[in-house]
Amino acid sequence: YAVIDARNDQPVGTLALMRVTPEHGVIEVGAVTFSPLLQRTPASTEAQFLLMKHVFEDLGYRRYEWKCDSLNAPSRQTA
């Protein structure tokens, strides 16, 4: 999924759904890449929220996972 800045229609990030397991109702978000313009902002939280909302309400999954790489300091800080 692309994250587009509504103020100027510029791309500022991506999120991907991976390890999709419909039979268990589980999906994982991964490959989260946000530009410095989006990092640590309310908009980055909103992007995650909107994807979670889509996963639960539109796709019907019961669990949304996000794994943190313990060796990746920015990933740890975000989690």
PDB file of N, CA and C in Angstrom:
ATOM      1  N   TYR A   1       0.838  -1.168   0.000  1.00  0.00           N
ATOM      2  CA  TYR A   1       0.000   0.000   0.000  1.00  0.00           C
ATOM      3  C   TYR A   1       0.887   1.236   0.000  1.00  0.00           C
ATOM      4  N   ALA A   2       0.485   2.224  -0.767  1.00  0.00           N
ATOM      5  CA  ALA A   2       1.220   3.484  -0.810  1.00  0.00           C
ATOM      6  C   ALA A   2       0.606   4.462   0.185  1.00  0.00           C
ATOM      7  N   VAL A   3       1.453   5.234   0.822  1.00  0.00           N
ATOM      8  CA  VAL A   3       1.001   6.311   1.707  1.00  0.00           C
ATOM      9  C   VAL A   3       1.257   7.611   0.955  1.00  0.00           C
ATOM     10  N   ILE A   4       0.187   8.341   0.688  1.00  0.00           N
ATOM     11  CA  ILE A   4       0.262   9.569  -0.102  1.00  0.00           C
ATOM     12  C   ILE A   4      -0.067  10.757   0.795  1.00  0.00           C
ATOM     13  N   ASP A   5       0.760  11.770   0.739  1.00  0.00           N
ATOM     14  CA  ASP A   5       0.516  13.008   1.479  1.00  0.00           C
ATOM     15  C   ASP A   5      -0.640  13.739   0.794  1.00  0.00           C
ATOM     16  N   ALA A   6      -1.758  13.879   1.494  1.00  0.00           N
ATOM     17  CA  ALA A   6      -2.956  14.493   0.912  1.00  0.00           C
ATOM     18  C   ALA A   6      -2.768  15.968   0.586  1.00  0.00           C
ATOM     19  N   ARG A   7      -1.777  16.599   1.208  1.00  0.00           N
ATOM     20  CA  ARG A   7      -1.567  18.032   0.959  1.00  0.00           C
ATOM     21  C   ARG A   7      -0.973  18.304  -0.416  1.00  0.00           C
ATOM     22  N   ASN A   8      -0.176  17.335  -0.923  1.00  0.00           N
ATOM     23  CA  ASN A   8       0.498  17.594  -2.202  1.00  0.00           C
ATOM     24  C   ASN A   8       0.517  16.388  -3.135  1.00  0.00           C
ATOM     25  N   ASP A   9      -0.196  15.327  -2.781  1.00  0.00           N
ATOM     26  CA  ASP A   9      -0.281  14.098  -3.581  1.00  0.00           C
ATOM     27  C   ASP A   9       1.070  13.431  -3.825  1.00  0.00           C
ATOM     28  N   GLN A  10       2.009  13.626  -2.922  1.00  0.00           N
ATOM     29  CA  GLN A  10       3.333  13.009  -3.051  1.00  0.00           C
ATOM     30  C   GLN A  10       3.403  11.734  -2.213  1.00  0.00           C
ATOM     31  N   PRO A  11       4.057  10.684  -2.739  1.00  0.00           N
ATOM     32  CA  PRO A  11       4.232   9.464  -1.948  1.00  0.00           C
ATOM     33  C   PRO A  11       5.214   9.704  -0.803  1.00  0.00           C
ATOM     34  N   VAL A  12       4.857   9.209   0.391  1.00  0.00           N
ATOM     35  CA  VAL A  12       5.731   9.386   1.557  1.00  0.00           C
ATOM     36  C   VAL A  12       6.001   8.073   2.286  1.00  0.00           C
ATOM     37  N   GLY A  13       5.449   6.972   1.770  1.00  0.00           N
ATOM     38  CA  GLY A  13       5.720   5.696   2.422  1.00  0.00           C
ATOM     39  C   GLY A  13       4.989   4.537   1.787  1.00  0.00           C
ATOM     40  N   THR A  14       5.337   3.343   2.260  1.00  0.00           N
ATOM     41  CA  THR A  14       4.670   2.121   1.822  1.00  0.00           C
ATOM     42  C   THR A  14       4.496   1.184   3.011  1.00  0.00           C
ATOM     43  N   LEU A  15       3.482   0.346   2.917  1.00  0.00           N
ATOM     44  CA  LEU A  15       3.242  -0.736   3.871  1.00  0.00           C
ATOM     45  C   LEU A  15       2.815  -1.945   3.044  1.00  0.00           C
ATOM     46  N   ALA A  16       3.188  -3.131   3.477  1.00  0.00           N
ATOM     47  CA  ALA A  16       2.809  -4.340   2.750  1.00  0.00           C
ATOM     48  C   ALA A  16       2.156  -5.334   3.698  1.00  0.00           C
ATOM     49  N   LEU A  17       1.197  -6.079   3.174  1.00  0.00           N
ATOM     50  CA  LEU A  17       0.617  -7.185   3.919  1.00  0.00           C
ATOM     51  C   LEU A  17       1.328  -8.451   3.472  1.00  0.00           C
ATOM     52  N   MET A  18       1.780  -9.236   4.438  1.00  0.00           N
ATOM     53  CA  MET A  18       2.530 -10.451   4.132  1.00  0.00           C
ATOM     54  C   MET A  18       2.126 -11.535   5.124  1.00  0.00           C
ATOM     55  N   ARG A  19       2.633 -12.720   4.898  1.00  0.00           N
ATOM     56  CA  ARG A  19       2.277 -13.871   5.734  1.00  0.00           C
ATOM     57  C   ARG A  19       0.775 -13.868   6.010  1.00  0.00           C
ATOM     58  N   VAL A  20       0.026 -13.906   4.933  1.00  0.00           N
ATOM     59  CA  VAL A  20      -1.430 -13.894   4.996  1.00  0.00           C
ATOM     60  C   VAL A  20      -1.908 -15.332   5.223  1.00  0.00           C
ATOM     61  N   THR A  21      -2.637 -15.556   6.317  1.00  0.00           N
ATOM     62  CA  THR A  21      -3.117 -16.895   6.661  1.00  0.00           C
ATOM     63  C   THR A  21      -4.631 -16.835   6.886  1.00  0.00           C
ATOM     64  N   PRO A  22      -5.399 -16.876   5.782  1.00  0.00           N
ATOM     65  CA  PRO A  22      -6.851 -16.721   5.905  1.00  0.00           C
ATOM     66  C   PRO A  22      -7.506 -17.783   6.787  1.00  0.00           C
ATOM     67  N   GLU A  23      -7.002 -19.018   6.737  1.00  0.00           N
ATOM     68  CA  GLU A  23      -7.644 -20.083   7.515  1.00  0.00           C
ATOM     69  C   GLU A  23      -7.547 -19.851   9.023  1.00  0.00           C
ATOM     70  N   HIS A  24      -6.596 -19.028   9.443  1.00  0.00           N
ATOM     71  CA  HIS A  24      -6.461 -18.689  10.860  1.00  0.00           C
ATOM     72  C   HIS A  24      -6.887 -17.247  11.152  1.00  0.00           C
ATOM     73  N   GLY A  25      -7.238 -16.513  10.098  1.00  0.00           N
ATOM     74  CA  GLY A  25      -7.656 -15.126  10.284  1.00  0.00           C
ATOM     75  C   GLY A  25      -6.527 -14.209  10.708  1.00  0.00           C
ATOM     76  N   VAL A  26      -5.301 -14.536  10.264  1.00  0.00           N
ATOM     77  CA  VAL A  26      -4.111 -13.800  10.695  1.00  0.00           C
ATOM     78  C   VAL A  26      -3.422 -13.180   9.485  1.00  0.00           C
ATOM     79  N   ILE A  27      -2.957 -11.964   9.662  1.00  0.00           N
ATOM     80  CA  ILE A  27      -2.218 -11.266   8.614  1.00  0.00           C
ATOM     81  C   ILE A  27      -1.119 -10.440   9.276  1.00  0.00           C
ATOM     82  N   GLU A  28      -0.015 -10.279   8.583  1.00  0.00           N
ATOM     83  CA  GLU A  28       1.117  -9.521   9.128  1.00  0.00           C
ATOM     84  C   GLU A  28       1.405  -8.318   8.236  1.00  0.00           C
ATOM     85  N   VAL A  29       1.672  -7.187   8.856  1.00  0.00           N
ATOM     86  CA  VAL A  29       2.130  -6.017   8.118  1.00  0.00           C
ATOM     87  C   VAL A  29       3.652  -6.047   8.142  1.00  0.00           C
ATOM     88  N   GLY A  30       4.249  -5.702   7.019  1.00  0.00           N
ATOM     89  CA  GLY A  30       5.708  -5.706   6.954  1.00  0.00           C
ATOM     90  C   GLY A  30       6.188  -4.769   5.868  1.00  0.00           C
ATOM     91  N   ALA A  31       7.487  -4.724   5.717  1.00  0.00           N
ATOM     92  CA  ALA A  31       8.108  -3.848   4.719  1.00  0.00           C
ATOM     93  C   ALA A  31       7.576  -2.423   4.859  1.00  0.00           C
ATOM     94  N   VAL A  32       7.495  -1.949   6.090  1.00  0.00           N
ATOM     95  CA  VAL A  32       7.031  -0.583   6.358  1.00  0.00           C
ATOM     96  C   VAL A  32       8.193   0.362   6.096  1.00  0.00           C
ATOM     97  N   THR A  33       8.008   1.236   5.138  1.00  0.00           N
ATOM     98  CA  THR A  33       9.042   2.198   4.775  1.00  0.00           C
ATOM     99  C   THR A  33       8.406   3.578   4.704  1.00  0.00           C
ATOM    100  N   PHE A  34       8.791   4.433   5.630  1.00  0.00           N
ATOM    101  CA  PHE A  34       8.271   5.795   5.664  1.00  0.00           C
ATOM    102  C   PHE A  34       9.408   6.774   5.418  1.00  0.00           C
ATOM    103  N   SER A  35       9.131   7.803   4.620  1.00  0.00           N
ATOM    104  CA  SER A  35      10.128   8.843   4.388  1.00  0.00           C
ATOM    105  C   SER A  35      10.325   9.638   5.680  1.00  0.00           C
ATOM    106  N   PRO A  36      11.428  10.362   5.790  1.00  0.00           N
ATOM    107  CA  PRO A  36      11.636  11.206   6.976  1.00  0.00           C
ATOM    108  C   PRO A  36      10.492  12.200   7.206  1.00  0.00           C
ATOM    109  N   LEU A  37       9.798  12.588   6.137  1.00  0.00           N
ATOM    110  CA  LEU A  37       8.667  13.514   6.284  1.00  0.00           C
ATOM    111  C   LEU A  37       7.504  12.888   7.052  1.00  0.00           C
ATOM    112  N   LEU A  38       7.425  11.551   7.039  1.00  0.00           N
ATOM    113  CA  LEU A  38       6.315  10.848   7.678  1.00  0.00           C
ATOM    114  C   LEU A  38       6.702  10.232   9.021  1.00  0.00           C
ATOM    115  N   GLN A  39       7.956   9.925   9.198  1.00  0.00           N
ATOM    116  CA  GLN A  39       8.411   9.246  10.411  1.00  0.00           C
ATOM    117  C   GLN A  39       8.116  10.065  11.666  1.00  0.00           C
ATOM    118  N   ARG A  40       7.656   9.354  12.699  1.00  0.00           N
ATOM    119  CA  ARG A  40       7.388   9.961  14.009  1.00  0.00           C
ATOM    120  C   ARG A  40       6.380  11.116  13.938  1.00  0.00           C
ATOM    121  N   THR A  41       5.356  10.946  13.113  1.00  0.00           N
ATOM    122  CA  THR A  41       4.307  11.960  13.002  1.00  0.00           C
ATOM    123  C   THR A  41       2.946  11.316  13.267  1.00  0.00           C
ATOM    124  N   PRO A  42       1.950  12.116  13.598  1.00  0.00           N
ATOM    125  CA  PRO A  42       0.599  11.564  13.724  1.00  0.00           C
ATOM    126  C   PRO A  42       0.122  10.901  12.425  1.00  0.00           C
ATOM    127  N   ALA A  43       0.581  11.396  11.293  1.00  0.00           N
ATOM    128  CA  ALA A  43       0.177  10.806  10.013  1.00  0.00           C
ATOM    129  C   ALA A  43       0.692   9.376   9.863  1.00  0.00           C
ATOM    130  N   SER A  44       1.870   9.078  10.411  1.00  0.00           N
ATOM    131  CA  SER A  44       2.377   7.702  10.327  1.00  0.00           C
ATOM    132  C   SER A  44       1.509   6.774  11.173  1.00  0.00           C
ATOM    133  N   THR A  45       1.066   7.260  12.324  1.00  0.00           N
ATOM    134  CA  THR A  45       0.151   6.477  13.159  1.00  0.00           C
ATOM    135  C   THR A  45      -1.169   6.266  12.429  1.00  0.00           C
ATOM    136  N   GLU A  46      -1.647   7.300  11.770  1.00  0.00           N
ATOM    137  CA  GLU A  46      -2.906   7.193  11.030  1.00  0.00           C
ATOM    138  C   GLU A  46      -2.787   6.199   9.880  1.00  0.00           C
ATOM    139  N   ALA A  47      -1.650   6.185   9.192  1.00  0.00           N
ATOM    140  CA  ALA A  47      -1.452   5.230   8.095  1.00  0.00           C
ATOM    141  C   ALA A  47      -1.561   3.798   8.609  1.00  0.00           C
ATOM    142  N   GLN A  48      -0.918   3.521   9.743  1.00  0.00           N
ATOM    143  CA  GLN A  48      -1.014   2.182  10.338  1.00  0.00           C
ATOM    144  C   GLN A  48      -2.459   1.889  10.757  1.00  0.00           C
ATOM    145  N   PHE A  49      -3.103   2.856  11.375  1.00  0.00           N
ATOM    146  CA  PHE A  49      -4.484   2.671  11.816  1.00  0.00           C
ATOM    147  C   PHE A  49      -5.404   2.355  10.639  1.00  0.00           C
ATOM    148  N   LEU A  50      -5.267   3.106   9.550  1.00  0.00           N
ATOM    149  CA  LEU A  50      -6.141   2.890   8.398  1.00  0.00           C
ATOM    150  C   LEU A  50      -5.937   1.510   7.789  1.00  0.00           C
ATOM    151  N   LEU A  51      -4.688   1.034   7.757  1.00  0.00           N
ATOM    152  CA  LEU A  51      -4.448  -0.313   7.239  1.00  0.00           C
ATOM    153  C   LEU A  51      -5.047  -1.354   8.188  1.00  0.00           C
ATOM    154  N   MET A  52      -4.874  -1.162   9.494  1.00  0.00           N
ATOM    155  CA  MET A  52      -5.476  -2.093  10.465  1.00  0.00           C
ATOM    156  C   MET A  52      -6.997  -2.125  10.323  1.00  0.00           C
ATOM    157  N   LYS A  53      -7.587  -0.961  10.189  1.00  0.00           N
ATOM    158  CA  LYS A  53      -9.044  -0.868  10.032  1.00  0.00           C
ATOM    159  C   LYS A  53      -9.492  -1.636   8.790  1.00  0.00           C
ATOM    160  N   HIS A  54      -8.764  -1.487   7.701  1.00  0.00           N
ATOM    161  CA  HIS A  54      -9.064  -2.203   6.457  1.00  0.00           C
ATOM    162  C   HIS A  54      -8.968  -3.716   6.673  1.00  0.00           C
ATOM    163  N   VAL A  55      -7.909  -4.148   7.346  1.00  0.00           N
ATOM    164  CA  VAL A  55      -7.697  -5.579   7.591  1.00  0.00           C
ATOM    165  C   VAL A  55      -8.845  -6.166   8.418  1.00  0.00           C
ATOM    166  N   PHE A  56      -9.245  -5.485   9.474  1.00  0.00           N
ATOM    167  CA  PHE A  56     -10.303  -6.005  10.343  1.00  0.00           C
ATOM    168  C   PHE A  56     -11.700  -5.836   9.742  1.00  0.00           C
ATOM    169  N   GLU A  57     -12.017  -4.637   9.290  1.00  0.00           N
ATOM    170  CA  GLU A  57     -13.389  -4.352   8.871  1.00  0.00           C
ATOM    171  C   GLU A  57     -13.703  -4.789   7.448  1.00  0.00           C
ATOM    172  N   ASP A  58     -12.776  -4.598   6.525  1.00  0.00           N
ATOM    173  CA  ASP A  58     -13.049  -4.924   5.122  1.00  0.00           C
ATOM    174  C   ASP A  58     -12.642  -6.350   4.759  1.00  0.00           C
ATOM    175  N   LEU A  59     -11.481  -6.782   5.245  1.00  0.00           N
ATOM    176  CA  LEU A  59     -10.975  -8.106   4.888  1.00  0.00           C
ATOM    177  C   LEU A  59     -11.426  -9.191   5.863  1.00  0.00           C
ATOM    178  N   GLY A  60     -11.872  -8.811   7.046  1.00  0.00           N
ATOM    179  CA  GLY A  60     -12.428  -9.759   7.995  1.00  0.00           C
ATOM    180  C   GLY A  60     -11.432 -10.580   8.792  1.00  0.00           C
ATOM    181  N   TYR A  61     -10.196 -10.114   8.901  1.00  0.00           N
ATOM    182  CA  TYR A  61      -9.209 -10.845   9.703  1.00  0.00           C
ATOM    183  C   TYR A  61      -9.434 -10.559  11.178  1.00  0.00           C
ATOM    184  N   ARG A  62      -8.962 -11.470  12.032  1.00  0.00           N
ATOM    185  CA  ARG A  62      -9.138 -11.323  13.475  1.00  0.00           C
ATOM    186  C   ARG A  62      -7.854 -10.935  14.184  1.00  0.00           C
ATOM    187  N   ARG A  63      -6.715 -11.067  13.482  1.00  0.00           N
ATOM    188  CA  ARG A  63      -5.422 -10.752  14.109  1.00  0.00           C
ATOM    189  C   ARG A  63      -4.523 -10.041  13.098  1.00  0.00           C
ATOM    190  N   TYR A  64      -3.873  -8.988  13.573  1.00  0.00           N
ATOM    191  CA  TYR A  64      -2.974  -8.156  12.764  1.00  0.00           C
ATOM    192  C   TYR A  64      -1.633  -8.148  13.481  1.00  0.00           C
ATOM    193  N   GLU A  65      -0.612  -8.688  12.846  1.00  0.00           N
ATOM    194  CA  GLU A  65       0.697  -8.797  13.487  1.00  0.00           C
ATOM    195  C   GLU A  65       1.695  -7.827  12.868  1.00  0.00           C
ATOM    196  N   TRP A  66       2.590  -7.351  13.715  1.00  0.00           N
ATOM    197  CA  TRP A  66       3.704  -6.526  13.265  1.00  0.00           C
ATOM    198  C   TRP A  66       4.905  -6.967  14.074  1.00  0.00           C
ATOM    199  N   LYS A  67       5.875  -7.535  13.401  1.00  0.00           N
ATOM    200  CA  LYS A  67       7.063  -8.026  14.091  1.00  0.00           C
ATOM    201  C   LYS A  67       8.159  -6.975  14.035  1.00  0.00           C
ATOM    202  N   CYS A  68       8.905  -6.889  15.103  1.00  0.00           N
ATOM    203  CA  CYS A  68       9.987  -5.917  15.218  1.00  0.00           C
ATOM    204  C   CYS A  68      11.325  -6.640  15.127  1.00  0.00           C
ATOM    205  N   ASP A  69      12.220  -6.143  14.285  1.00  0.00           N
ATOM    206  CA  ASP A  69      13.583  -6.664  14.207  1.00  0.00           C
ATOM    207  C   ASP A  69      14.370  -6.072  15.373  1.00  0.00           C
ATOM    208  N   SER A  70      14.763  -6.910  16.311  1.00  0.00           N
ATOM    209  CA  SER A  70      15.439  -6.413  17.512  1.00  0.00           C
ATOM    210  C   SER A  70      16.798  -5.794  17.213  1.00  0.00           C
ATOM    211  N   LEU A  71      17.359  -6.078  16.038  1.00  0.00           N
ATOM    212  CA  LEU A  71      18.648  -5.494  15.661  1.00  0.00           C
ATOM    213  C   LEU A  71      18.485  -4.164  14.926  1.00  0.00           C
ATOM    214  N   ASN A  72      17.252  -3.794  14.630  1.00  0.00           N
ATOM    215  CA  ASN A  72      16.966  -2.562  13.896  1.00  0.00           C
ATOM    216  C   ASN A  72      16.438  -1.525  14.893  1.00  0.00           C
ATOM    217  N   ALA A  73      17.300  -0.605  15.298  1.00  0.00           N
ATOM    218  CA  ALA A  73      16.937   0.380  16.328  1.00  0.00           C
ATOM    219  C   ALA A  73      15.693   1.196  15.962  1.00  0.00           C
ATOM    220  N   PRO A  74      15.569   1.721  14.724  1.00  0.00           N
ATOM    221  CA  PRO A  74      14.348   2.469  14.399  1.00  0.00           C
ATOM    222  C   PRO A  74      13.089   1.598  14.497  1.00  0.00           C
ATOM    223  N   SER A  75      13.208   0.328  14.119  1.00  0.00           N
ATOM    224  CA  SER A  75      12.067  -0.579  14.221  1.00  0.00           C
ATOM    225  C   SER A  75      11.674  -0.787  15.681  1.00  0.00           C
ATOM    226  N   ARG A  76      12.653  -0.974  16.544  1.00  0.00           N
ATOM    227  CA  ARG A  76      12.387  -1.136  17.980  1.00  0.00           C
ATOM    228  C   ARG A  76      11.721   0.111  18.546  1.00  0.00           C
ATOM    229  N   GLN A  77      12.216   1.266  18.155  1.00  0.00           N
ATOM    230  CA  GLN A  77      11.675   2.521  18.673  1.00  0.00           C
ATOM    231  C   GLN A  77      10.223   2.712  18.224  1.00  0.00           C
ATOM    232  N   THR A  78       9.934   2.331  16.999  1.00  0.00           N
ATOM    233  CA  THR A  78       8.580   2.463  16.474  1.00  0.00           C
ATOM    234  C   THR A  78       7.623   1.515  17.173  1.00  0.00           C
ATOM    235  N   ALA A  79       8.081   0.295  17.395  1.00  0.00           N
ATOM    236  CA  ALA A  79       7.226  -0.716  18.044  1.00  0.00           C
ATOM    237  C   ALA A  79       6.931  -0.295  19.462  1.00  0.00           C
TER     238      ALA A  79
END
